[in-house]
Amino acid sequence: MVLKFITSNIHKYEEALLIGEKYEINISHENLEYIESQNDSFSEIARFSLDNLKEKIQGDFFIEDAGLVIECLNGFPGPYSSFVYSTIGNQGILELMRNEKNRNAKFISTVALFYKNKEFLFVGECHGSIASEIKGEHGFGYDPIFIPSEKNISFGQLDVDEKSLLSHRSIAINKMIKFLKEN
């Protein structure tokens, strides 16, 4: 089986590729820009994007929308994570949380799959906390400030193989692959 991953983010593709290889599913990459709605729901954003792509893409494919949700900031940056990262970055998030004791956070990933002319959604969450400083050279985006609950180091300190074992994206993609194997 060949499944297309539509994303302009090569890091997301690399993580998905590793997961697919474990299950002998060939995940190909298509770097195709698409419209993302502005919405407070990751699932609604993913569903909107999928709807806009299904007439343009031949065959089965998936997209993914993800973001960082910080408890003490009432879920900020959430679905606006990409914009917030491009404007204030990790240093800006750390500044917003400078004196904050509650550092609980989670990454949420929604994978939207178009398979056999039907739409399916798969959600993955990775709980953790926000570090007090930027650490690590791996990953992308908020990885250097996010410490998953299972580790004492940031995603930015994990290589892509280690991260793909526990990330929000891997949880959602694993759910999708399990569904594909059963159907």
Protein backbone atom coordinates (compact mmCIF):
# COMPACT_ATOMS: atom_id res chain seq x y z
CA MET A 1 0.00 0.00 0.00
CA VAL A 2 1.17 3.50 -0.87
CA LEU A 3 -0.30 6.36 1.09
CA LYS A 4 0.42 10.01 0.28
CA PHE A 5 1.18 12.44 3.10
CA ILE A 6 0.37 15.97 1.96
CA THR A 7 2.59 18.37 3.92
CA SER A 8 5.07 21.15 3.34
CA ASN A 9 6.86 20.16 6.56
CA ILE A 10 9.64 17.66 5.81
CA HIS A 11 10.11 16.94 9.54
CA LYS A 12 6.52 15.71 9.83
CA TYR A 13 7.05 13.51 6.78
CA GLU A 14 10.28 12.01 8.18
CA GLU A 15 8.48 11.03 11.38
CA ALA A 16 5.53 9.54 9.46
CA LEU A 17 7.87 7.62 7.16
CA LEU A 18 9.55 5.88 10.11
CA ILE A 19 6.20 4.85 11.53
CA GLY A 20 4.95 3.56 8.17
CA GLU A 21 8.10 1.49 7.64
CA LYS A 22 7.44 -0.39 10.89
CA TYR A 23 4.13 -1.57 9.44
CA GLU A 24 5.30 -2.01 5.84
CA ILE A 25 3.18 0.88 4.64
CA ASN A 26 4.87 3.05 2.07
CA ILE A 27 4.22 6.69 2.90
CA SER A 28 5.10 9.03 0.07
CA HIS A 29 5.52 12.78 0.38
CA GLU A 30 3.70 15.44 -1.60
CA ASN A 31 4.73 18.99 -0.86
CA LEU A 32 1.50 20.71 -1.76
CA GLU A 33 0.29 23.95 -0.23
CA TYR A 34 -3.33 23.90 0.87
CA ILE A 35 -5.78 26.15 2.65
CA GLU A 36 -6.09 25.81 6.42
CA SER A 37 -9.12 27.38 8.04
CA GLN A 38 -8.80 29.55 11.13
CA ASN A 39 -10.64 27.61 13.79
CA ASP A 40 -10.33 26.71 17.46
CA SER A 41 -10.55 22.97 16.66
CA PHE A 42 -7.69 20.91 15.27
CA SER A 43 -10.22 18.42 13.90
CA GLU A 44 -12.22 21.10 12.08
CA ILE A 45 -9.04 22.54 10.56
CA ALA A 46 -7.96 19.09 9.36
CA ARG A 47 -11.43 18.27 8.01
CA PHE A 48 -11.62 21.60 6.13
CA SER A 49 -8.19 21.04 4.56
CA LEU A 50 -9.07 17.48 3.58
CA ASP A 51 -12.26 18.67 1.91
CA ASN A 52 -10.28 21.18 -0.14
CA LEU A 53 -7.73 18.59 -1.24
CA LYS A 54 -9.84 15.55 -2.08
CA GLU A 55 -10.76 16.85 -5.53
CA LYS A 56 -7.11 17.64 -6.34
CA ILE A 57 -5.36 14.45 -5.18
CA GLN A 58 -5.61 11.07 -6.90
CA GLY A 59 -5.88 8.09 -4.55
CA ASP A 60 -5.65 7.74 -0.80
CA PHE A 61 -3.89 10.45 1.20
CA PHE A 62 -3.68 12.09 4.60
CA ILE A 63 -2.85 15.43 6.15
CA GLU A 64 -2.05 16.37 9.73
CA ASP A 65 -2.71 19.40 11.88
CA ALA A 66 -1.03 19.77 15.24
CA GLY A 67 -0.36 22.27 17.94
CA LEU A 68 0.89 22.95 21.43
CA VAL A 69 -1.67 23.47 24.19
CA ILE A 70 -0.37 25.10 27.37
CA GLU A 71 -2.56 24.75 30.45
CA CYS A 72 -1.67 27.98 32.28
CA LEU A 73 -2.17 29.97 29.06
CA ASN A 74 -5.74 28.63 28.66
CA GLY A 75 -4.74 26.37 25.76
CA PHE A 76 -2.65 28.97 23.93
CA PRO A 77 -1.19 28.74 21.31
CA GLY A 78 -3.38 25.72 20.35
CA PRO A 79 -4.50 25.73 16.71
CA TYR A 80 -2.55 28.96 16.18
CA SER A 81 0.75 27.28 17.08
CA SER A 82 2.35 27.73 13.67
CA PHE A 83 1.57 31.46 13.54
CA VAL A 84 2.65 31.99 17.16
CA TYR A 85 5.89 30.12 16.55
CA SER A 86 6.64 32.22 13.47
CA THR A 87 6.00 35.46 15.38
CA ILE A 88 7.34 34.98 18.92
CA GLY A 89 9.05 31.57 18.75
CA ASN A 90 10.16 29.45 21.66
CA GLN A 91 11.76 32.39 23.43
CA GLY A 92 8.44 34.24 23.37
CA ILE A 93 6.61 31.28 24.89
CA LEU A 94 9.25 31.01 27.62
CA GLU A 95 8.89 34.73 28.30
CA LEU A 96 5.09 34.39 28.65
CA MET A 97 5.70 31.62 31.20
CA ARG A 98 8.67 33.19 33.00
CA ASN A 99 7.19 33.14 36.54
CA GLU A 100 4.66 30.39 35.97
CA LYS A 101 4.73 27.35 38.25
CA ASN A 102 2.15 25.33 36.29
CA ARG A 103 4.08 24.25 33.19
CA ASN A 104 1.70 21.47 32.08
CA ALA A 105 1.23 21.22 28.34
CA LYS A 106 0.34 18.78 25.62
CA PHE A 107 0.79 18.41 21.91
CA ILE A 108 -2.32 17.45 19.95
CA SER A 109 -2.22 15.95 16.46
CA THR A 110 -5.18 15.30 14.20
CA VAL A 111 -4.60 13.12 11.16
CA ALA A 112 -7.27 13.41 8.48
CA LEU A 113 -7.35 10.46 6.09
CA PHE A 114 -9.10 10.29 2.73
CA TYR A 115 -9.39 6.54 2.08
CA LYS A 116 -11.66 4.76 -0.40
CA ASN A 117 -13.52 8.04 -0.96
CA LYS A 118 -14.34 8.47 2.75
CA GLU A 119 -12.95 10.75 5.44
CA PHE A 120 -11.56 9.54 8.77
CA LEU A 121 -9.98 11.43 11.69
CA PHE A 122 -7.40 10.13 14.18
CA VAL A 123 -6.26 12.13 17.20
CA GLY A 124 -3.09 11.72 19.23
CA GLU A 125 -1.99 13.53 22.37
CA CYS A 126 1.36 13.68 24.11
CA HIS A 127 1.30 15.13 27.61
CA GLY A 128 4.26 16.84 29.20
CA SER A 129 5.52 20.19 30.35
CA ILE A 130 7.23 23.33 29.12
CA ALA A 131 10.93 23.53 29.96
CA SER A 132 12.39 26.66 31.53
CA GLU A 133 14.94 26.98 28.73
CA ILE A 134 15.51 25.90 25.15
CA LYS A 135 17.32 22.55 24.96
CA GLY A 136 18.23 20.36 22.03
CA GLU A 137 19.13 20.57 18.38
CA HIS A 138 16.71 17.98 17.02
CA GLY A 139 13.15 18.29 15.84
CA PHE A 140 11.43 21.50 14.89
CA GLY A 141 9.05 24.12 16.22
CA TYR A 142 8.37 23.82 19.93
CA ASP A 143 10.35 20.58 20.32
CA PRO A 144 13.24 22.24 22.23
CA ILE A 145 10.88 23.50 24.98
CA PHE A 146 8.50 20.52 25.29
CA ILE A 147 9.38 17.74 27.74
CA PRO A 148 7.17 14.66 27.26
CA SER A 149 5.95 13.01 30.47
CA GLU A 150 7.83 9.80 29.61
CA LYS A 151 11.19 11.58 29.50
CA ASN A 152 13.29 14.07 31.44
CA ILE A 153 14.55 15.72 28.29
CA SER A 154 12.91 17.78 25.55
CA PHE A 155 11.73 16.52 22.17
CA GLY A 156 14.57 18.68 20.84
CA GLN A 157 17.04 16.40 22.61
CA LEU A 158 15.56 13.24 21.07
CA ASP A 159 16.45 12.07 17.58
CA VAL A 160 13.61 11.42 15.15
CA ASP A 161 13.63 7.66 15.90
CA GLU A 162 13.14 8.26 19.64
CA LYS A 163 10.56 10.99 19.11
CA SER A 164 8.57 8.84 16.68
CA LEU A 165 7.99 6.30 19.46
CA LEU A 166 6.00 8.67 21.68
CA SER A 167 4.98 11.86 19.92
CA HIS A 168 1.42 13.07 19.43
CA ARG A 169 1.89 12.62 15.69
CA SER A 170 3.05 9.03 16.08
CA ILE A 171 0.03 8.23 18.27
CA ALA A 172 -2.37 9.62 15.63
CA ILE A 173 -0.53 7.96 12.72
CA ASN A 174 -0.39 4.64 14.57
CA LYS A 175 -4.18 4.82 15.06
CA MET A 176 -4.57 5.48 11.34
CA ILE A 177 -2.31 2.56 10.40
CA LYS A 178 -4.16 0.22 12.76
CA PHE A 179 -7.41 1.26 11.06
CA LEU A 180 -5.90 0.67 7.60
CA LYS A 181 -4.62 -2.78 8.61
CA GLU A 182 -8.10 -3.74 9.85
CA ASN A 183 -9.89 -2.41 6.78
